[in-house]
Amino acid sequence: MPIYIDTSLKRIINAATNNDLSKRYRSCAEFLKALFDYLKKAKDWKTVDEIIFATDKTQNEYKIYQSKKGYILETKKKNGNWRKDNNHSGKLNDIINYLS
């Protein structure tokens, strides 16, 4: 799975596909509710030419790319300009966790 798939979605997928049937969702409705609740807060992620993009429900955009010193995070509010966000260590996992 891509690195930006967060633990909440991984838990939902693992529960839905668990080998132990007693640990799976009891119904399709329960599974769909878990997905629906997840999607209320989830970001829309995509990768284009090794740049990771994300958009949240308020249409804020995020761009992650690699530089010589580590990973860079840029943010853009609705109709604004891209701005660097330095509230992270420059490691990809830290940026993904920061955005989650």
PDB file of N, CA and C in Angstrom:
ATOM      1  N   MET A   1       0.838  -1.187   0.000  1.00  0.00           N
ATOM      2  CA  MET A   1       0.000   0.000   0.000  1.00  0.00           C
ATOM      3  C   MET A   1       0.879   1.246   0.000  1.00  0.00           C
ATOM      4  N   PRO A   2       0.398   2.321  -0.591  1.00  0.00           N
ATOM      5  CA  PRO A   2       1.158   3.572  -0.555  1.00  0.00           C
ATOM      6  C   PRO A   2       1.375   4.044   0.882  1.00  0.00           C
ATOM      7  N   ILE A   3       2.445   4.777   1.103  1.00  0.00           N
ATOM      8  CA  ILE A   3       2.812   5.222   2.444  1.00  0.00           C
ATOM      9  C   ILE A   3       1.750   6.123   3.072  1.00  0.00           C
ATOM     10  N   TYR A   4       0.978   6.824   2.262  1.00  0.00           N
ATOM     11  CA  TYR A   4       0.010   7.768   2.812  1.00  0.00           C
ATOM     12  C   TYR A   4      -1.315   7.127   3.225  1.00  0.00           C
ATOM     13  N   ILE A   5      -1.451   5.826   3.065  1.00  0.00           N
ATOM     14  CA  ILE A   5      -2.648   5.144   3.561  1.00  0.00           C
ATOM     15  C   ILE A   5      -2.529   5.081   5.079  1.00  0.00           C
ATOM     16  N   ASP A   6      -3.442   5.740   5.784  1.00  0.00           N
ATOM     17  CA  ASP A   6      -3.297   5.830   7.237  1.00  0.00           C
ATOM     18  C   ASP A   6      -3.777   4.580   7.958  1.00  0.00           C
ATOM     19  N   THR A   7      -3.444   4.502   9.233  1.00  0.00           N
ATOM     20  CA  THR A   7      -3.733   3.302  10.018  1.00  0.00           C
ATOM     21  C   THR A   7      -5.227   3.048  10.164  1.00  0.00           C
ATOM     22  N   SER A   8      -6.041   4.087  10.145  1.00  0.00           N
ATOM     23  CA  SER A   8      -7.493   3.891  10.260  1.00  0.00           C
ATOM     24  C   SER A   8      -8.021   3.054   9.100  1.00  0.00           C
ATOM     25  N   LEU A   9      -7.616   3.392   7.885  1.00  0.00           N
ATOM     26  CA  LEU A   9      -8.072   2.636   6.718  1.00  0.00           C
ATOM     27  C   LEU A   9      -7.472   1.227   6.715  1.00  0.00           C
ATOM     28  N   LYS A  10      -6.222   1.109   7.127  1.00  0.00           N
ATOM     29  CA  LYS A  10      -5.602  -0.218   7.204  1.00  0.00           C
ATOM     30  C   LYS A  10      -6.366  -1.112   8.173  1.00  0.00           C
ATOM     31  N   ARG A  11      -6.809  -0.542   9.310  1.00  0.00           N
ATOM     32  CA  ARG A  11      -7.581  -1.323  10.277  1.00  0.00           C
ATOM     33  C   ARG A  11      -8.904  -1.789   9.676  1.00  0.00           C
ATOM     34  N   ILE A  12      -9.562  -0.908   8.927  1.00  0.00           N
ATOM     35  CA  ILE A  12     -10.833  -1.263   8.292  1.00  0.00           C
ATOM     36  C   ILE A  12     -10.622  -2.401   7.296  1.00  0.00           C
ATOM     37  N   ILE A  13      -9.589  -2.288   6.476  1.00  0.00           N
ATOM     38  CA  ILE A  13      -9.296  -3.325   5.479  1.00  0.00           C
ATOM     39  C   ILE A  13      -8.925  -4.641   6.163  1.00  0.00           C
ATOM     40  N   ASN A  14      -8.092  -4.559   7.198  1.00  0.00           N
ATOM     41  CA  ASN A  14      -7.698  -5.779   7.915  1.00  0.00           C
ATOM     42  C   ASN A  14      -8.894  -6.459   8.569  1.00  0.00           C
ATOM     43  N   ALA A  15      -9.806  -5.673   9.128  1.00  0.00           N
ATOM     44  CA  ALA A  15     -10.998  -6.261   9.746  1.00  0.00           C
ATOM     45  C   ALA A  15     -11.884  -6.911   8.687  1.00  0.00           C
ATOM     46  N   ALA A  16     -12.013  -6.283   7.540  1.00  0.00           N
ATOM     47  CA  ALA A  16     -12.882  -6.814   6.485  1.00  0.00           C
ATOM     48  C   ALA A  16     -12.327  -8.089   5.859  1.00  0.00           C
ATOM     49  N   THR A  17     -11.015  -8.259   5.900  1.00  0.00           N
ATOM     50  CA  THR A  17     -10.391  -9.408   5.236  1.00  0.00           C
ATOM     51  C   THR A  17      -9.735 -10.382   6.214  1.00  0.00           C
ATOM     52  N   ASN A  18     -10.031 -10.254   7.488  1.00  0.00           N
ATOM     53  CA  ASN A  18      -9.410 -11.101   8.507  1.00  0.00           C
ATOM     54  C   ASN A  18      -9.716 -12.580   8.247  1.00  0.00           C
ATOM     55  N   ASN A  19      -8.713 -13.427   8.426  1.00  0.00           N
ATOM     56  CA  ASN A  19      -8.910 -14.877   8.246  1.00  0.00           C
ATOM     57  C   ASN A  19      -9.887 -15.444   9.265  1.00  0.00           C
ATOM     58  N   ASP A  20      -9.902 -14.857  10.451  1.00  0.00           N
ATOM     59  CA  ASP A  20     -10.823 -15.290  11.506  1.00  0.00           C
ATOM     60  C   ASP A  20     -12.167 -14.595  11.272  1.00  0.00           C
ATOM     61  N   LEU A  21     -13.156 -15.355  10.852  1.00  0.00           N
ATOM     62  CA  LEU A  21     -14.463 -14.778  10.504  1.00  0.00           C
ATOM     63  C   LEU A  21     -15.112 -14.035  11.668  1.00  0.00           C
ATOM     64  N   SER A  22     -14.808 -14.421  12.891  1.00  0.00           N
ATOM     65  CA  SER A  22     -15.411 -13.747  14.045  1.00  0.00           C
ATOM     66  C   SER A  22     -14.859 -12.337  14.239  1.00  0.00           C
ATOM     67  N   LYS A  23     -13.722 -12.032  13.604  1.00  0.00           N
ATOM     68  CA  LYS A  23     -13.119 -10.696  13.716  1.00  0.00           C
ATOM     69  C   LYS A  23     -13.511  -9.780  12.555  1.00  0.00           C
ATOM     70  N   ARG A  24     -14.244 -10.314  11.591  1.00  0.00           N
ATOM     71  CA  ARG A  24     -14.694  -9.502  10.454  1.00  0.00           C
ATOM     72  C   ARG A  24     -15.926  -8.690  10.833  1.00  0.00           C
ATOM     73  N   TYR A  25     -16.282  -7.751   9.972  1.00  0.00           N
ATOM     74  CA  TYR A  25     -17.528  -7.009  10.172  1.00  0.00           C
ATOM     75  C   TYR A  25     -18.690  -7.989  10.093  1.00  0.00           C
ATOM     76  N   ARG A  26     -19.699  -7.761  10.916  1.00  0.00           N
ATOM     77  CA  ARG A  26     -20.828  -8.684  10.970  1.00  0.00           C
ATOM     78  C   ARG A  26     -21.744  -8.558   9.766  1.00  0.00           C
ATOM     79  N   SER A  27     -21.696  -7.409   9.084  1.00  0.00           N
ATOM     80  CA  SER A  27     -22.562  -7.214   7.918  1.00  0.00           C
ATOM     81  C   SER A  27     -21.905  -6.226   6.961  1.00  0.00           C
ATOM     82  N   CYS A  28     -22.419  -6.191   5.752  1.00  0.00           N
ATOM     83  CA  CYS A  28     -21.948  -5.201   4.770  1.00  0.00           C
ATOM     84  C   CYS A  28     -22.250  -3.794   5.261  1.00  0.00           C
ATOM     85  N   ALA A  29     -23.386  -3.634   5.920  1.00  0.00           N
ATOM     86  CA  ALA A  29     -23.773  -2.315   6.433  1.00  0.00           C
ATOM     87  C   ALA A  29     -22.762  -1.814   7.460  1.00  0.00           C
ATOM     88  N   GLU A  30     -22.293  -2.693   8.332  1.00  0.00           N
ATOM     89  CA  GLU A  30     -21.301  -2.303   9.344  1.00  0.00           C
ATOM     90  C   GLU A  30     -19.981  -1.903   8.671  1.00  0.00           C
ATOM     91  N   PHE A  31     -19.579  -2.663   7.653  1.00  0.00           N
ATOM     92  CA  PHE A  31     -18.367  -2.351   6.895  1.00  0.00           C
ATOM     93  C   PHE A  31     -18.514  -1.009   6.175  1.00  0.00           C
ATOM     94  N   LEU A  32     -19.645  -0.803   5.512  1.00  0.00           N
ATOM     95  CA  LEU A  32     -19.881   0.457   4.799  1.00  0.00           C
ATOM     96  C   LEU A  32     -19.921   1.644   5.752  1.00  0.00           C
ATOM     97  N   LYS A  33     -20.466   1.464   6.942  1.00  0.00           N
ATOM     98  CA  LYS A  33     -20.491   2.546   7.928  1.00  0.00           C
ATOM     99  C   LYS A  33     -19.069   2.916   8.348  1.00  0.00           C
ATOM    100  N   ALA A  34     -18.222   1.908   8.552  1.00  0.00           N
ATOM    101  CA  ALA A  34     -16.825   2.173   8.909  1.00  0.00           C
ATOM    102  C   ALA A  34     -16.129   2.958   7.796  1.00  0.00           C
ATOM    103  N   LEU A  35     -16.360   2.566   6.544  1.00  0.00           N
ATOM    104  CA  LEU A  35     -15.775   3.299   5.414  1.00  0.00           C
ATOM    105  C   LEU A  35     -16.331   4.715   5.316  1.00  0.00           C
ATOM    106  N   PHE A  36     -17.639   4.861   5.499  1.00  0.00           N
ATOM    107  CA  PHE A  36     -18.280   6.174   5.434  1.00  0.00           C
ATOM    108  C   PHE A  36     -17.718   7.096   6.514  1.00  0.00           C
ATOM    109  N   ASP A  37     -17.597   6.591   7.739  1.00  0.00           N
ATOM    110  CA  ASP A  37     -17.044   7.396   8.831  1.00  0.00           C
ATOM    111  C   ASP A  37     -15.600   7.787   8.546  1.00  0.00           C
ATOM    112  N   TYR A  38     -14.838   6.871   7.975  1.00  0.00           N
ATOM    113  CA  TYR A  38     -13.453   7.169   7.612  1.00  0.00           C
ATOM    114  C   TYR A  38     -13.394   8.272   6.548  1.00  0.00           C
ATOM    115  N   LEU A  39     -14.242   8.171   5.538  1.00  0.00           N
ATOM    116  CA  LEU A  39     -14.208   9.127   4.427  1.00  0.00           C
ATOM    117  C   LEU A  39     -14.611  10.538   4.838  1.00  0.00           C
ATOM    118  N   LYS A  40     -15.318  10.685   5.943  1.00  0.00           N
ATOM    119  CA  LYS A  40     -15.702  12.022   6.413  1.00  0.00           C
ATOM    120  C   LYS A  40     -14.486  12.878   6.720  1.00  0.00           C
ATOM    121  N   LYS A  41     -13.403  12.250   7.163  1.00  0.00           N
ATOM    122  CA  LYS A  41     -12.220  13.011   7.566  1.00  0.00           C
ATOM    123  C   LYS A  41     -10.993  12.737   6.694  1.00  0.00           C
ATOM    124  N   ALA A  42     -11.092  11.795   5.793  1.00  0.00           N
ATOM    125  CA  ALA A  42      -9.931  11.382   5.004  1.00  0.00           C
ATOM    126  C   ALA A  42      -9.566  12.415   3.946  1.00  0.00           C
ATOM    127  N   LYS A  43      -8.288  12.462   3.645  1.00  0.00           N
ATOM    128  CA  LYS A  43      -7.802  13.307   2.560  1.00  0.00           C
ATOM    129  C   LYS A  43      -7.809  12.498   1.263  1.00  0.00           C
ATOM    130  N   ASP A  44      -7.913  13.206   0.153  1.00  0.00           N
ATOM    131  CA  ASP A  44      -7.838  12.585  -1.164  1.00  0.00           C
ATOM    132  C   ASP A  44      -6.371  12.646  -1.594  1.00  0.00           C
ATOM    133  N   TRP A  45      -5.711  11.507  -1.684  1.00  0.00           N
ATOM    134  CA  TRP A  45      -4.287  11.430  -1.993  1.00  0.00           C
ATOM    135  C   TRP A  45      -4.073  10.968  -3.429  1.00  0.00           C
ATOM    136  N   LYS A  46      -3.006  11.476  -4.044  1.00  0.00           N
ATOM    137  CA  LYS A  46      -2.580  10.962  -5.348  1.00  0.00           C
ATOM    138  C   LYS A  46      -1.098  11.259  -5.520  1.00  0.00           C
ATOM    139  N   THR A  47      -0.452  10.483  -6.373  1.00  0.00           N
ATOM    140  CA  THR A  47       0.960  10.676  -6.672  1.00  0.00           C
ATOM    141  C   THR A  47       1.095  10.951  -8.159  1.00  0.00           C
ATOM    142  N   VAL A  48       1.807  12.029  -8.486  1.00  0.00           N
ATOM    143  CA  VAL A  48       2.056  12.395  -9.877  1.00  0.00           C
ATOM    144  C   VAL A  48       3.543  12.722 -10.007  1.00  0.00           C
ATOM    145  N   ASP A  49       4.243  11.974 -10.847  1.00  0.00           N
ATOM    146  CA  ASP A  49       5.675  12.202 -11.080  1.00  0.00           C
ATOM    147  C   ASP A  49       6.466  12.313  -9.781  1.00  0.00           C
ATOM    148  N   GLU A  50       6.266  11.367  -8.874  1.00  0.00           N
ATOM    149  CA  GLU A  50       6.970  11.277  -7.592  1.00  0.00           C
ATOM    150  C   GLU A  50       6.651  12.420  -6.626  1.00  0.00           C
ATOM    151  N   ILE A  51       5.632  13.200  -6.915  1.00  0.00           N
ATOM    152  CA  ILE A  51       5.149  14.232  -5.998  1.00  0.00           C
ATOM    153  C   ILE A  51       3.825  13.739  -5.433  1.00  0.00           C
ATOM    154  N   ILE A  52       3.690  13.802  -4.112  1.00  0.00           N
ATOM    155  CA  ILE A  52       2.467  13.353  -3.450  1.00  0.00           C
ATOM    156  C   ILE A  52       1.578  14.570  -3.219  1.00  0.00           C
ATOM    157  N   PHE A  53       0.336  14.473  -3.655  1.00  0.00           N
ATOM    158  CA  PHE A  53      -0.647  15.539  -3.461  1.00  0.00           C
ATOM    159  C   PHE A  53      -1.765  15.031  -2.564  1.00  0.00           C
ATOM    160  N   ALA A  54      -2.313  15.925  -1.752  1.00  0.00           N
ATOM    161  CA  ALA A  54      -3.467  15.588  -0.918  1.00  0.00           C
ATOM    162  C   ALA A  54      -4.398  16.789  -0.887  1.00  0.00           C
ATOM    163  N   THR A  55      -5.692  16.513  -0.794  1.00  0.00           N
ATOM    164  CA  THR A  55      -6.712  17.556  -0.664  1.00  0.00           C
ATOM    165  C   THR A  55      -7.627  17.144   0.468  1.00  0.00           C
ATOM    166  N   ASP A  56      -7.942  18.094   1.362  1.00  0.00           N
ATOM    167  CA  ASP A  56      -8.863  17.759   2.451  1.00  0.00           C
ATOM    168  C   ASP A  56     -10.271  18.232   2.112  1.00  0.00           C
ATOM    169  N   LYS A  57     -11.193  18.000   3.018  1.00  0.00           N
ATOM    170  CA  LYS A  57     -12.610  18.308   2.768  1.00  0.00           C
ATOM    171  C   LYS A  57     -12.886  19.799   2.626  1.00  0.00           C
ATOM    172  N   THR A  58     -11.988  20.657   3.136  1.00  0.00           N
ATOM    173  CA  THR A  58     -12.182  22.105   3.002  1.00  0.00           C
ATOM    174  C   THR A  58     -11.434  22.660   1.790  1.00  0.00           C
ATOM    175  N   GLN A  59     -10.970  21.754   0.918  1.00  0.00           N
ATOM    176  CA  GLN A  59     -10.269  22.096  -0.322  1.00  0.00           C
ATOM    177  C   GLN A  59      -8.882  22.688  -0.098  1.00  0.00           C
ATOM    178  N   ASN A  60      -8.302  22.499   1.090  1.00  0.00           N
ATOM    179  CA  ASN A  60      -6.896  22.835   1.288  1.00  0.00           C
ATOM    180  C   ASN A  60      -6.076  21.770   0.573  1.00  0.00           C
ATOM    181  N   GLU A  61      -4.977  22.191  -0.029  1.00  0.00           N
ATOM    182  CA  GLU A  61      -4.145  21.260  -0.789  1.00  0.00           C
ATOM    183  C   GLU A  61      -2.769  21.143  -0.151  1.00  0.00           C
ATOM    184  N   TYR A  62      -2.170  19.972  -0.314  1.00  0.00           N
ATOM    185  CA  TYR A  62      -0.855  19.686   0.246  1.00  0.00           C
ATOM    186  C   TYR A  62      -0.011  19.030  -0.831  1.00  0.00           C
ATOM    187  N   LYS A  63       1.269  19.391  -0.858  1.00  0.00           N
ATOM    188  CA  LYS A  63       2.194  18.837  -1.848  1.00  0.00           C
ATOM    189  C   LYS A  63       3.460  18.410  -1.107  1.00  0.00           C
ATOM    190  N   ILE A  64       3.885  17.171  -1.321  1.00  0.00           N
ATOM    191  CA  ILE A  64       5.085  16.638  -0.674  1.00  0.00           C
ATOM    192  C   ILE A  64       6.039  16.178  -1.770  1.00  0.00           C
ATOM    193  N   TYR A  65       7.278  16.648  -1.688  1.00  0.00           N
ATOM    194  CA  TYR A  65       8.276  16.224  -2.665  1.00  0.00           C
ATOM    195  C   TYR A  65       9.642  16.175  -1.997  1.00  0.00           C
ATOM    196  N   GLN A  66      10.547  15.455  -2.629  1.00  0.00           N
ATOM    197  CA  GLN A  66      11.870  15.256  -2.053  1.00  0.00           C
ATOM    198  C   GLN A  66      12.841  16.306  -2.559  1.00  0.00           C
ATOM    199  N   SER A  67      13.692  16.781  -1.645  1.00  0.00           N
ATOM    200  CA  SER A  67      14.783  17.687  -2.001  1.00  0.00           C
ATOM    201  C   SER A  67      16.089  17.055  -1.521  1.00  0.00           C
ATOM    202  N   LYS A  68      17.189  17.754  -1.665  1.00  0.00           N
ATOM    203  CA  LYS A  68      18.477  17.229  -1.214  1.00  0.00           C
ATOM    204  C   LYS A  68      18.525  17.066   0.306  1.00  0.00           C
ATOM    205  N   LYS A  69      17.777  17.896   1.034  1.00  0.00           N
ATOM    206  CA  LYS A  69      17.819  17.885   2.500  1.00  0.00           C
ATOM    207  C   LYS A  69      16.735  17.021   3.129  1.00  0.00           C
ATOM    208  N   GLY A  70      15.866  16.450   2.354  1.00  0.00           N
ATOM    209  CA  GLY A  70      14.765  15.654   2.887  1.00  0.00           C
ATOM    210  C   GLY A  70      13.492  15.970   2.124  1.00  0.00           C
ATOM    211  N   TYR A  71      12.382  15.736   2.771  1.00  0.00           N
ATOM    212  CA  TYR A  71      11.095  15.987   2.121  1.00  0.00           C
ATOM    213  C   TYR A  71      10.573  17.372   2.478  1.00  0.00           C
ATOM    214  N   ILE A  72       9.911  17.994   1.519  1.00  0.00           N
ATOM    215  CA  ILE A  72       9.344  19.334   1.666  1.00  0.00           C
ATOM    216  C   ILE A  72       7.827  19.208   1.628  1.00  0.00           C
ATOM    217  N   LEU A  73       7.172  19.939   2.509  1.00  0.00           N
ATOM    218  CA  LEU A  73       5.712  20.018   2.508  1.00  0.00           C
ATOM    219  C   LEU A  73       5.318  21.439   2.153  1.00  0.00           C
ATOM    220  N   GLU A  74       4.452  21.567   1.162  1.00  0.00           N
ATOM    221  CA  GLU A  74       3.872  22.861   0.819  1.00  0.00           C
ATOM    222  C   GLU A  74       2.365  22.755   0.971  1.00  0.00           C
ATOM    223  N   THR A  75       1.753  23.841   1.416  1.00  0.00           N
ATOM    224  CA  THR A  75       0.303  23.873   1.596  1.00  0.00           C
ATOM    225  C   THR A  75      -0.283  25.023   0.790  1.00  0.00           C
ATOM    226  N   LYS A  76      -1.535  24.860   0.415  1.00  0.00           N
ATOM    227  CA  LYS A  76      -2.242  25.908  -0.319  1.00  0.00           C
ATOM    228  C   LYS A  76      -3.674  25.944   0.185  1.00  0.00           C
ATOM    229  N   LYS A  77      -4.086  27.081   0.710  1.00  0.00           N
ATOM    230  CA  LYS A  77      -5.459  27.269   1.175  1.00  0.00           C
ATOM    231  C   LYS A  77      -6.312  27.674  -0.014  1.00  0.00           C
ATOM    232  N   LYS A  78      -7.422  27.013  -0.205  1.00  0.00           N
ATOM    233  CA  LYS A  78      -8.370  27.251  -1.300  1.00  0.00           C
ATOM    234  C   LYS A  78      -7.755  27.942  -2.506  1.00  0.00           C
ATOM    235  N   ASN A  79      -7.876  29.247  -2.624  1.00  0.00           N
ATOM    236  CA  ASN A  79      -7.400  29.957  -3.820  1.00  0.00           C
ATOM    237  C   ASN A  79      -6.065  30.657  -3.600  1.00  0.00           C
ATOM    238  N   GLY A  80      -5.355  30.310  -2.540  1.00  0.00           N
ATOM    239  CA  GLY A  80      -4.087  30.966  -2.223  1.00  0.00           C
ATOM    240  C   GLY A  80      -2.920  30.417  -3.019  1.00  0.00           C
ATOM    241  N   ASN A  81      -1.738  30.816  -2.607  1.00  0.00           N
ATOM    242  CA  ASN A  81      -0.502  30.366  -3.239  1.00  0.00           C
ATOM    243  C   ASN A  81       0.120  29.242  -2.413  1.00  0.00           C
ATOM    244  N   TRP A  82       0.996  28.465  -3.036  1.00  0.00           N
ATOM    245  CA  TRP A  82       1.713  27.415  -2.320  1.00  0.00           C
ATOM    246  C   TRP A  82       2.690  28.052  -1.343  1.00  0.00           C
ATOM    247  N   ARG A  83       2.712  27.537  -0.092  1.00  0.00           N
ATOM    248  CA  ARG A  83       3.626  28.026   0.945  1.00  0.00           C
ATOM    249  C   ARG A  83       4.290  26.836   1.617  1.00  0.00           C
ATOM    250  N   LYS A  84       5.575  26.960   1.928  1.00  0.00           N
ATOM    251  CA  LYS A  84       6.276  25.880   2.618  1.00  0.00           C
ATOM    252  C   LYS A  84       5.805  25.808   4.062  1.00  0.00           C
ATOM    253  N   ASP A  85       5.648  24.589   4.555  1.00  0.00           N
ATOM    254  CA  ASP A  85       5.254  24.326   5.940  1.00  0.00           C
ATOM    255  C   ASP A  85       6.413  23.574   6.589  1.00  0.00           C
ATOM    256  N   ASN A  86       7.036  24.181   7.583  1.00  0.00           N
ATOM    257  CA  ASN A  86       8.212  23.583   8.216  1.00  0.00           C
ATOM    258  C   ASN A  86       7.910  22.952   9.571  1.00  0.00           C
ATOM    259  N   ASN A  87       6.668  22.585   9.826  1.00  0.00           N
ATOM    260  CA  ASN A  87       6.284  21.987  11.108  1.00  0.00           C
ATOM    261  C   ASN A  87       6.485  20.471  11.097  1.00  0.00           C
ATOM    262  N   HIS A  88       7.616  20.026  10.605  1.00  0.00           N
ATOM    263  CA  HIS A  88       7.919  18.595  10.523  1.00  0.00           C
ATOM    264  C   HIS A  88       9.428  18.423  10.451  1.00  0.00           C
ATOM    265  N   SER A  89       9.891  17.201  10.523  1.00  0.00           N
ATOM    266  CA  SER A  89      11.332  16.915  10.572  1.00  0.00           C
ATOM    267  C   SER A  89      11.982  16.762   9.199  1.00  0.00           C
ATOM    268  N   GLY A  90      11.182  16.719   8.144  1.00  0.00           N
ATOM    269  CA  GLY A  90      11.728  16.485   6.812  1.00  0.00           C
ATOM    270  C   GLY A  90      11.704  15.024   6.406  1.00  0.00           C
ATOM    271  N   LYS A  91      11.181  14.170   7.302  1.00  0.00           N
ATOM    272  CA  LYS A  91      11.043  12.751   6.984  1.00  0.00           C
ATOM    273  C   LYS A  91       9.631  12.509   6.470  1.00  0.00           C
ATOM    274  N   LEU A  92       9.519  11.662   5.463  1.00  0.00           N
ATOM    275  CA  LEU A  92       8.232  11.423   4.817  1.00  0.00           C
ATOM    276  C   LEU A  92       7.188  10.901   5.803  1.00  0.00           C
ATOM    277  N   ASN A  93       7.557   9.944   6.649  1.00  0.00           N
ATOM    278  CA  ASN A  93       6.599   9.407   7.624  1.00  0.00           C
ATOM    279  C   ASN A  93       6.084  10.488   8.563  1.00  0.00           C
ATOM    280  N   ASP A  94       6.967  11.388   8.993  1.00  0.00           N
ATOM    281  CA  ASP A  94       6.553  12.470   9.894  1.00  0.00           C
ATOM    282  C   ASP A  94       5.574  13.415   9.210  1.00  0.00           C
ATOM    283  N   ILE A  95       5.803  13.709   7.943  1.00  0.00           N
ATOM    284  CA  ILE A  95       4.892  14.593   7.208  1.00  0.00           C
ATOM    285  C   ILE A  95       3.528  13.927   7.044  1.00  0.00           C
ATOM    286  N   ILE A  96       3.519  12.659   6.678  1.00  0.00           N
ATOM    287  CA  ILE A  96       2.251  11.935   6.516  1.00  0.00           C
ATOM    288  C   ILE A  96       1.491  11.918   7.839  1.00  0.00           C
ATOM    289  N   ASN A  97       2.182  11.627   8.941  1.00  0.00           N
ATOM    290  CA  ASN A  97       1.532  11.625  10.259  1.00  0.00           C
ATOM    291  C   ASN A  97       1.047  13.017  10.640  1.00  0.00           C
ATOM    292  N   TYR A  98       1.803  14.033  10.305  1.00  0.00           N
ATOM    293  CA  TYR A  98       1.422  15.418  10.587  1.00  0.00           C
ATOM    294  C   TYR A  98       0.120  15.777   9.861  1.00  0.00           C
ATOM    295  N   LEU A  99      -0.042  15.289   8.645  1.00  0.00           N
ATOM    296  CA  LEU A  99      -1.243  15.598   7.865  1.00  0.00           C
ATOM    297  C   LEU A  99      -2.433  14.722   8.234  1.00  0.00           C
ATOM    298  N   SER A 100      -2.190  13.597   8.869  1.00  0.00           N
ATOM    299  CA  SER A 100      -3.288  12.673   9.198  1.00  0.00           C
ATOM    300  C   SER A 100      -4.086  13.130  10.397  1.00  0.00           C
TER     301      SER A 100
END
